[in-house]
Amino acid sequence: MSETTSRSMRARGRARRELLLDATLAIIAERGIAGVTHRSVAAAADVPHSSTTYFFDSLDDMIGEAVAHAMDAEFARLQQFRAVLESGAGSPGAAIDEFVEIVRQQSDEHTVAQFEIYLFASRHPALRAHVERILDETRELAGSVLRVNGVTDPHAAAAVVALIDGFALHRIARSEVVHFQSLARALRATLVGFVTLAATSSLGETASPGE
C-alpha cells in the first residue's frame, strides 16, 4: 500500500469518526442521552451499523468522545472570543455585545445538547473534566471582560456565567421570541452592580470566593 493511499484511508477514517460524533450529538439534542444507541447513531450518520463498534469500544466510549468533541468545539469558539478581547478591538462595552453574539449564534439543538451533556457528566466523573474545562474557560473570559470594566470581585465571573447559562436554558424551555437585548442589558446591569458594590464596600467586607 502506497503512502498516498494510506493517508487517504486515514483521512476517510477520521472523517467517518467525526461524522459519527456529530450524529451522536444530534441524537443527544433530539432525544437525550437515552436515545443514543449504536443503531441510532449509525442510522443518523447513514453508515453501516458496524462502523460504531469499529471506531468505539463501547456506547459509553462513543458518548464520552462525543462530549469531548462538543467541548473542544466550544473551547475553540471561546478562544476566538479571547483573541478578539486581547486584540483590544472596540470599546470595553463592545465585549459584552460580542459575548451575547456567541449566545445568539448557538443553535437550540446545540444548547439542548449542552445541558444534556452537563447532566450526563455530573453522573460520570470521567467526563466531568471536559465540562469543567469549558466552565473554567468561560469564567476566565468573563473575568477578563469584567476586569477591563474595572470589576475585580472574585464572585463576579461565576455570577455572569450562571446568568448566561440561565438565559440559554430558559431560551430552549419556552416557546417565545428570544430578546437577546435583554441578556445584554442584564449583563450591563450586573457589571454596573458589581462596580457599585465595590465602591460602597470596605475592604473588610470583601468575601473570598469560597464564602
C-alpha atoms as a PDB file:
ATOM      1  CA  MET A   1       0.000   0.000   0.000  1.00  0.00           C
ATOM      2  CA  SER A   2       1.445   3.364  -1.007  1.00  0.00           C
ATOM      3  CA  GLU A   3       1.883   6.229   1.457  1.00  0.00           C
ATOM      4  CA  THR A   4      -0.646   8.290  -0.505  1.00  0.00           C
ATOM      5  CA  THR A   5      -3.259   5.523  -0.258  1.00  0.00           C
ATOM      6  CA  SER A   6      -2.538   5.095   3.444  1.00  0.00           C
ATOM      7  CA  ARG A   7      -3.004   8.816   4.110  1.00  0.00           C
ATOM      8  CA  SER A   8      -6.237   8.799   2.138  1.00  0.00           C
ATOM      9  CA  MET A   9      -7.592   5.886   4.190  1.00  0.00           C
ATOM     10  CA  ARG A  10      -6.653   7.603   7.455  1.00  0.00           C
ATOM     11  CA  ALA A  11      -8.364  10.789   6.305  1.00  0.00           C
ATOM     12  CA  ARG A  12     -11.531   8.871   5.422  1.00  0.00           C
ATOM     13  CA  GLY A  13     -11.410   7.150   8.787  1.00  0.00           C
ATOM     14  CA  ARG A  14     -11.128  10.477  10.644  1.00  0.00           C
ATOM     15  CA  ALA A  15     -13.986  11.909   8.587  1.00  0.00           C
ATOM     16  CA  ARG A  16     -16.252   8.937   9.340  1.00  0.00           C
ATOM     17  CA  ARG A  17     -15.374   9.044  13.033  1.00  0.00           C
ATOM     18  CA  GLU A  18     -16.234  12.758  13.191  1.00  0.00           C
ATOM     19  CA  LEU A  19     -19.459  12.051  11.301  1.00  0.00           C
ATOM     20  CA  LEU A  20     -20.409   9.534  13.991  1.00  0.00           C
ATOM     21  CA  LEU A  21     -19.588  12.008  16.767  1.00  0.00           C
ATOM     22  CA  ASP A  22     -21.712  14.706  15.115  1.00  0.00           C
ATOM     23  CA  ALA A  23     -24.547  12.199  14.734  1.00  0.00           C
ATOM     24  CA  THR A  24     -24.262  11.294  18.415  1.00  0.00           C
ATOM     25  CA  LEU A  25     -24.558  14.951  19.407  1.00  0.00           C
ATOM     26  CA  ALA A  26     -27.551  15.423  17.108  1.00  0.00           C
ATOM     27  CA  ILE A  27     -29.313  12.494  18.779  1.00  0.00           C
ATOM     28  CA  ILE A  28     -28.471  13.853  22.243  1.00  0.00           C
ATOM     29  CA  ALA A  29     -30.102  17.149  21.254  1.00  0.00           C
ATOM     30  CA  GLU A  30     -33.161  15.449  19.760  1.00  0.00           C
ATOM     31  CA  ARG A  31     -33.772  12.532  22.127  1.00  0.00           C
ATOM     32  CA  GLY A  32     -31.421  12.924  25.071  1.00  0.00           C
ATOM     33  CA  ILE A  33     -28.595  10.642  26.146  1.00  0.00           C
ATOM     34  CA  ALA A  34     -31.025   7.721  26.441  1.00  0.00           C
ATOM     35  CA  GLY A  35     -31.648   7.926  22.695  1.00  0.00           C
ATOM     36  CA  VAL A  36     -28.016   7.188  21.849  1.00  0.00           C
ATOM     37  CA  THR A  37     -27.526   3.615  20.672  1.00  0.00           C
ATOM     38  CA  HIS A  38     -25.134   2.069  18.173  1.00  0.00           C
ATOM     39  CA  ARG A  39     -28.020   1.565  15.773  1.00  0.00           C
ATOM     40  CA  SER A  40     -29.471   5.086  16.116  1.00  0.00           C
ATOM     41  CA  VAL A  41     -26.080   6.738  15.635  1.00  0.00           C
ATOM     42  CA  ALA A  42     -25.240   4.619  12.578  1.00  0.00           C
ATOM     43  CA  ALA A  43     -28.629   5.412  11.068  1.00  0.00           C
ATOM     44  CA  ALA A  44     -28.266   9.142  11.727  1.00  0.00           C
ATOM     45  CA  ALA A  45     -24.806   9.129  10.160  1.00  0.00           C
ATOM     46  CA  ASP A  46     -26.038   6.954   7.277  1.00  0.00           C
ATOM     47  CA  VAL A  47     -23.211   4.448   7.723  1.00  0.00           C
ATOM     48  CA  PRO A  48     -23.162   0.689   8.386  1.00  0.00           C
ATOM     49  CA  HIS A  49     -24.017  -0.375  11.925  1.00  0.00           C
ATOM     50  CA  SER A  50     -20.585  -1.965  12.280  1.00  0.00           C
ATOM     51  CA  SER A  51     -18.929   1.464  11.951  1.00  0.00           C
ATOM     52  CA  THR A  52     -19.797   2.423  15.525  1.00  0.00           C
ATOM     53  CA  THR A  53     -18.192  -0.672  17.036  1.00  0.00           C
ATOM     54  CA  TYR A  54     -15.179  -0.283  14.730  1.00  0.00           C
ATOM     55  CA  PHE A  55     -14.382   3.220  15.966  1.00  0.00           C
ATOM     56  CA  PHE A  56     -15.588   2.990  19.582  1.00  0.00           C
ATOM     57  CA  ASP A  57     -15.060   0.294  22.199  1.00  0.00           C
ATOM     58  CA  SER A  58     -18.460   0.796  23.821  1.00  0.00           C
ATOM     59  CA  LEU A  59     -21.527   3.017  23.887  1.00  0.00           C
ATOM     60  CA  ASP A  60     -20.109   4.932  26.869  1.00  0.00           C
ATOM     61  CA  ASP A  61     -16.876   5.412  24.925  1.00  0.00           C
ATOM     62  CA  MET A  62     -18.812   6.852  21.975  1.00  0.00           C
ATOM     63  CA  ILE A  63     -20.811   9.205  24.213  1.00  0.00           C
ATOM     64  CA  GLY A  64     -17.667  10.246  26.047  1.00  0.00           C
ATOM     65  CA  GLU A  65     -15.858  11.011  22.792  1.00  0.00           C
ATOM     66  CA  ALA A  66     -18.886  12.987  21.596  1.00  0.00           C
ATOM     67  CA  VAL A  67     -18.819  15.031  24.797  1.00  0.00           C
ATOM     68  CA  ALA A  68     -15.112  15.756  24.308  1.00  0.00           C
ATOM     69  CA  HIS A  69     -15.779  16.608  20.649  1.00  0.00           C
ATOM     70  CA  ALA A  70     -18.513  19.091  21.599  1.00  0.00           C
ATOM     71  CA  MET A  71     -16.427  20.652  24.340  1.00  0.00           C
ATOM     72  CA  ASP A  72     -13.430  21.033  22.006  1.00  0.00           C
ATOM     73  CA  ALA A  73     -15.627  22.886  19.503  1.00  0.00           C
ATOM     74  CA  GLU A  74     -16.920  25.166  22.266  1.00  0.00           C
ATOM     75  CA  PHE A  75     -13.373  25.738  23.514  1.00  0.00           C
ATOM     76  CA  ALA A  76     -12.318  26.802  20.002  1.00  0.00           C
ATOM     77  CA  ARG A  77     -15.175  29.336  19.868  1.00  0.00           C
ATOM     78  CA  LEU A  78     -14.183  30.741  23.243  1.00  0.00           C
ATOM     79  CA  GLN A  79     -10.570  31.014  22.135  1.00  0.00           C
ATOM     80  CA  GLN A  80     -11.700  33.069  19.147  1.00  0.00           C
ATOM     81  CA  PHE A  81     -13.514  35.398  21.516  1.00  0.00           C
ATOM     82  CA  ARG A  82     -10.382  35.612  23.674  1.00  0.00           C
ATOM     83  CA  ALA A  83      -8.355  36.644  20.617  1.00  0.00           C
ATOM     84  CA  VAL A  84     -10.848  39.431  19.879  1.00  0.00           C
ATOM     85  CA  LEU A  85     -10.786  40.541  23.502  1.00  0.00           C
ATOM     86  CA  GLU A  86      -6.989  40.572  23.751  1.00  0.00           C
ATOM     87  CA  SER A  87      -6.634  42.448  20.457  1.00  0.00           C
ATOM     88  CA  GLY A  88      -8.219  45.448  22.146  1.00  0.00           C
ATOM     89  CA  ALA A  89     -10.574  45.977  19.226  1.00  0.00           C
ATOM     90  CA  GLY A  90     -13.599  48.094  20.075  1.00  0.00           C
ATOM     91  CA  SER A  91     -14.651  49.611  23.376  1.00  0.00           C
ATOM     92  CA  PRO A  92     -14.794  47.600  26.621  1.00  0.00           C
ATOM     93  CA  GLY A  93     -18.582  47.554  26.385  1.00  0.00           C
ATOM     94  CA  ALA A  94     -18.356  46.001  22.919  1.00  0.00           C
ATOM     95  CA  ALA A  95     -17.007  42.828  24.546  1.00  0.00           C
ATOM     96  CA  ILE A  96     -20.429  42.269  26.119  1.00  0.00           C
ATOM     97  CA  ASP A  97     -22.083  42.579  22.714  1.00  0.00           C
ATOM     98  CA  GLU A  98     -19.573  40.095  21.303  1.00  0.00           C
ATOM     99  CA  PHE A  99     -20.324  37.674  24.132  1.00  0.00           C
ATOM    100  CA  VAL A 100     -24.068  37.981  23.519  1.00  0.00           C
ATOM    101  CA  GLU A 101     -23.453  37.318  19.831  1.00  0.00           C
ATOM    102  CA  ILE A 102     -21.817  33.999  20.747  1.00  0.00           C
ATOM    103  CA  VAL A 103     -25.011  33.049  22.574  1.00  0.00           C
ATOM    104  CA  ARG A 104     -27.167  34.253  19.670  1.00  0.00           C
ATOM    105  CA  GLN A 105     -25.265  32.139  17.140  1.00  0.00           C
ATOM    106  CA  GLN A 106     -25.618  28.970  19.184  1.00  0.00           C
ATOM    107  CA  SER A 107     -28.432  26.809  17.800  1.00  0.00           C
ATOM    108  CA  ASP A 108     -31.199  25.490  20.036  1.00  0.00           C
ATOM    109  CA  GLU A 109     -30.017  21.955  19.266  1.00  0.00           C
ATOM    110  CA  HIS A 110     -26.521  22.822  20.459  1.00  0.00           C
ATOM    111  CA  THR A 111     -27.897  24.354  23.656  1.00  0.00           C
ATOM    112  CA  VAL A 112     -30.093  21.323  24.371  1.00  0.00           C
ATOM    113  CA  ALA A 113     -27.099  19.030  23.840  1.00  0.00           C
ATOM    114  CA  GLN A 114     -25.016  21.261  26.122  1.00  0.00           C
ATOM    115  CA  PHE A 115     -27.358  20.857  29.080  1.00  0.00           C
ATOM    116  CA  GLU A 116     -27.899  17.157  28.398  1.00  0.00           C
ATOM    117  CA  ILE A 117     -24.124  16.758  28.492  1.00  0.00           C
ATOM    118  CA  TYR A 118     -23.857  18.757  31.726  1.00  0.00           C
ATOM    119  CA  LEU A 119     -26.338  16.417  33.410  1.00  0.00           C
ATOM    120  CA  PHE A 120     -24.728  13.293  31.962  1.00  0.00           C
ATOM    121  CA  ALA A 121     -21.243  14.409  33.029  1.00  0.00           C
ATOM    122  CA  SER A 122     -22.472  15.100  36.561  1.00  0.00           C
ATOM    123  CA  ARG A 123     -23.074  11.349  36.894  1.00  0.00           C
ATOM    124  CA  HIS A 124     -19.895  10.305  35.074  1.00  0.00           C
ATOM    125  CA  PRO A 125     -16.796  11.694  36.807  1.00  0.00           C
ATOM    126  CA  ALA A 126     -14.539  10.710  33.900  1.00  0.00           C
ATOM    127  CA  LEU A 127     -16.405  13.149  31.649  1.00  0.00           C
ATOM    128  CA  ARG A 128     -16.769  15.920  34.208  1.00  0.00           C
ATOM    129  CA  ALA A 129     -13.282  17.229  33.442  1.00  0.00           C
ATOM    130  CA  HIS A 130     -14.365  18.153  29.889  1.00  0.00           C
ATOM    131  CA  VAL A 131     -17.305  20.180  31.168  1.00  0.00           C
ATOM    132  CA  GLU A 132     -15.294  21.784  33.963  1.00  0.00           C
ATOM    133  CA  ARG A 133     -12.658  22.849  31.429  1.00  0.00           C
ATOM    134  CA  ILE A 134     -15.255  24.764  29.422  1.00  0.00           C
ATOM    135  CA  LEU A 135     -16.871  26.287  32.510  1.00  0.00           C
ATOM    136  CA  ASP A 136     -13.463  27.386  33.814  1.00  0.00           C
ATOM    137  CA  GLU A 137     -12.537  28.892  30.437  1.00  0.00           C
ATOM    138  CA  THR A 138     -15.879  30.696  30.206  1.00  0.00           C
ATOM    139  CA  ARG A 139     -15.466  32.105  33.714  1.00  0.00           C
ATOM    140  CA  GLU A 140     -11.928  33.201  32.911  1.00  0.00           C
ATOM    141  CA  LEU A 141     -13.126  35.021  29.798  1.00  0.00           C
ATOM    142  CA  ALA A 142     -15.975  36.618  31.726  1.00  0.00           C
ATOM    143  CA  GLY A 143     -13.446  37.691  34.338  1.00  0.00           C
ATOM    144  CA  SER A 144     -11.310  39.294  31.619  1.00  0.00           C
ATOM    145  CA  VAL A 145     -14.267  41.320  30.346  1.00  0.00           C
ATOM    146  CA  LEU A 146     -15.156  42.356  33.887  1.00  0.00           C
ATOM    147  CA  ARG A 147     -11.598  43.421  34.725  1.00  0.00           C
ATOM    148  CA  VAL A 148     -11.474  45.585  31.587  1.00  0.00           C
ATOM    149  CA  ASN A 149     -14.525  47.313  33.035  1.00  0.00           C
ATOM    150  CA  GLY A 150     -12.944  47.708  36.478  1.00  0.00           C
ATOM    151  CA  VAL A 151     -14.619  44.747  38.230  1.00  0.00           C
ATOM    152  CA  THR A 152     -12.298  42.585  40.320  1.00  0.00           C
ATOM    153  CA  ASP A 153     -14.866  40.979  42.634  1.00  0.00           C
ATOM    154  CA  PRO A 154     -13.991  37.237  42.851  1.00  0.00           C
ATOM    155  CA  HIS A 155     -17.685  36.289  42.651  1.00  0.00           C
ATOM    156  CA  ALA A 156     -18.473  38.297  39.524  1.00  0.00           C
ATOM    157  CA  ALA A 157     -17.311  35.917  36.782  1.00  0.00           C
ATOM    158  CA  ALA A 158     -19.214  32.925  38.163  1.00  0.00           C
ATOM    159  CA  ALA A 159     -22.341  35.063  38.525  1.00  0.00           C
ATOM    160  CA  VAL A 160     -22.108  36.279  34.925  1.00  0.00           C
ATOM    161  CA  VAL A 161     -21.640  32.756  33.522  1.00  0.00           C
ATOM    162  CA  ALA A 162     -24.592  31.499  35.592  1.00  0.00           C
ATOM    163  CA  LEU A 163     -26.692  34.368  34.203  1.00  0.00           C
ATOM    164  CA  ILE A 164     -25.767  33.458  30.615  1.00  0.00           C
ATOM    165  CA  ASP A 165     -26.447  29.750  31.158  1.00  0.00           C
ATOM    166  CA  GLY A 166     -29.763  30.555  32.828  1.00  0.00           C
ATOM    167  CA  PHE A 167     -30.786  32.681  29.846  1.00  0.00           C
ATOM    168  CA  ALA A 168     -29.797  29.883  27.454  1.00  0.00           C
ATOM    169  CA  LEU A 169     -31.734  27.298  29.461  1.00  0.00           C
ATOM    170  CA  HIS A 170     -34.896  29.417  29.538  1.00  0.00           C
ATOM    171  CA  ARG A 171     -34.452  30.130  25.832  1.00  0.00           C
ATOM    172  CA  ILE A 172     -34.882  26.441  24.975  1.00  0.00           C
ATOM    173  CA  ALA A 173     -37.551  25.812  27.622  1.00  0.00           C
ATOM    174  CA  ARG A 174     -40.006  28.478  26.473  1.00  0.00           C
ATOM    175  CA  SER A 175     -41.701  28.791  23.085  1.00  0.00           C
ATOM    176  CA  GLU A 176     -41.417  32.547  22.734  1.00  0.00           C
ATOM    177  CA  VAL A 177     -39.438  35.107  20.788  1.00  0.00           C
ATOM    178  CA  VAL A 178     -35.956  35.463  22.231  1.00  0.00           C
ATOM    179  CA  HIS A 179     -34.926  39.051  23.003  1.00  0.00           C
ATOM    180  CA  PHE A 180     -31.158  38.967  23.163  1.00  0.00           C
ATOM    181  CA  GLN A 181     -31.022  42.635  24.086  1.00  0.00           C
ATOM    182  CA  SER A 182     -32.460  41.626  27.454  1.00  0.00           C
ATOM    183  CA  LEU A 183     -29.377  39.474  28.048  1.00  0.00           C
ATOM    184  CA  ALA A 184     -27.098  42.347  27.028  1.00  0.00           C
ATOM    185  CA  ARG A 185     -28.935  44.695  29.420  1.00  0.00           C
ATOM    186  CA  ALA A 186     -28.765  42.148  32.221  1.00  0.00           C
ATOM    187  CA  LEU A 187     -25.029  41.739  31.723  1.00  0.00           C
ATOM    188  CA  ARG A 188     -24.516  45.515  31.751  1.00  0.00           C
ATOM    189  CA  ALA A 189     -26.682  45.811  34.868  1.00  0.00           C
ATOM    190  CA  THR A 190     -24.616  43.087  36.541  1.00  0.00           C
ATOM    191  CA  LEU A 191     -21.423  44.898  35.604  1.00  0.00           C
ATOM    192  CA  VAL A 192     -22.727  48.199  36.989  1.00  0.00           C
ATOM    193  CA  GLY A 193     -23.937  46.414  40.103  1.00  0.00           C
ATOM    194  CA  PHE A 194     -20.520  44.927  40.858  1.00  0.00           C
ATOM    195  CA  VAL A 195     -18.802  48.276  40.197  1.00  0.00           C
ATOM    196  CA  THR A 196     -21.233  49.958  42.611  1.00  0.00           C
ATOM    197  CA  LEU A 197     -20.789  47.183  45.161  1.00  0.00           C
ATOM    198  CA  ALA A 198     -17.022  47.629  45.083  1.00  0.00           C
ATOM    199  CA  ALA A 199     -17.387  51.385  45.511  1.00  0.00           C
ATOM    200  CA  THR A 200     -19.695  51.064  48.509  1.00  0.00           C
ATOM    201  CA  SER A 201     -17.983  48.167  50.277  1.00  0.00           C
ATOM    202  CA  SER A 202     -14.982  48.388  52.514  1.00  0.00           C
ATOM    203  CA  LEU A 203     -12.045  46.043  52.049  1.00  0.00           C
ATOM    204  CA  GLY A 204     -13.081  44.231  55.191  1.00  0.00           C
ATOM    205  CA  GLU A 205     -16.453  43.343  53.649  1.00  0.00           C
ATOM    206  CA  THR A 206     -14.984  41.690  50.543  1.00  0.00           C
ATOM    207  CA  ALA A 207     -15.551  37.961  50.806  1.00  0.00           C
ATOM    208  CA  SER A 208     -13.387  35.226  49.360  1.00  0.00           C
ATOM    209  CA  PRO A 209     -14.740  33.042  46.514  1.00  0.00           C
ATOM    210  CA  GLY A 210     -15.286  30.118  48.892  1.00  0.00           C
ATOM    211  CA  GLU A 211     -17.633  32.004  51.194  1.00  0.00           C
END
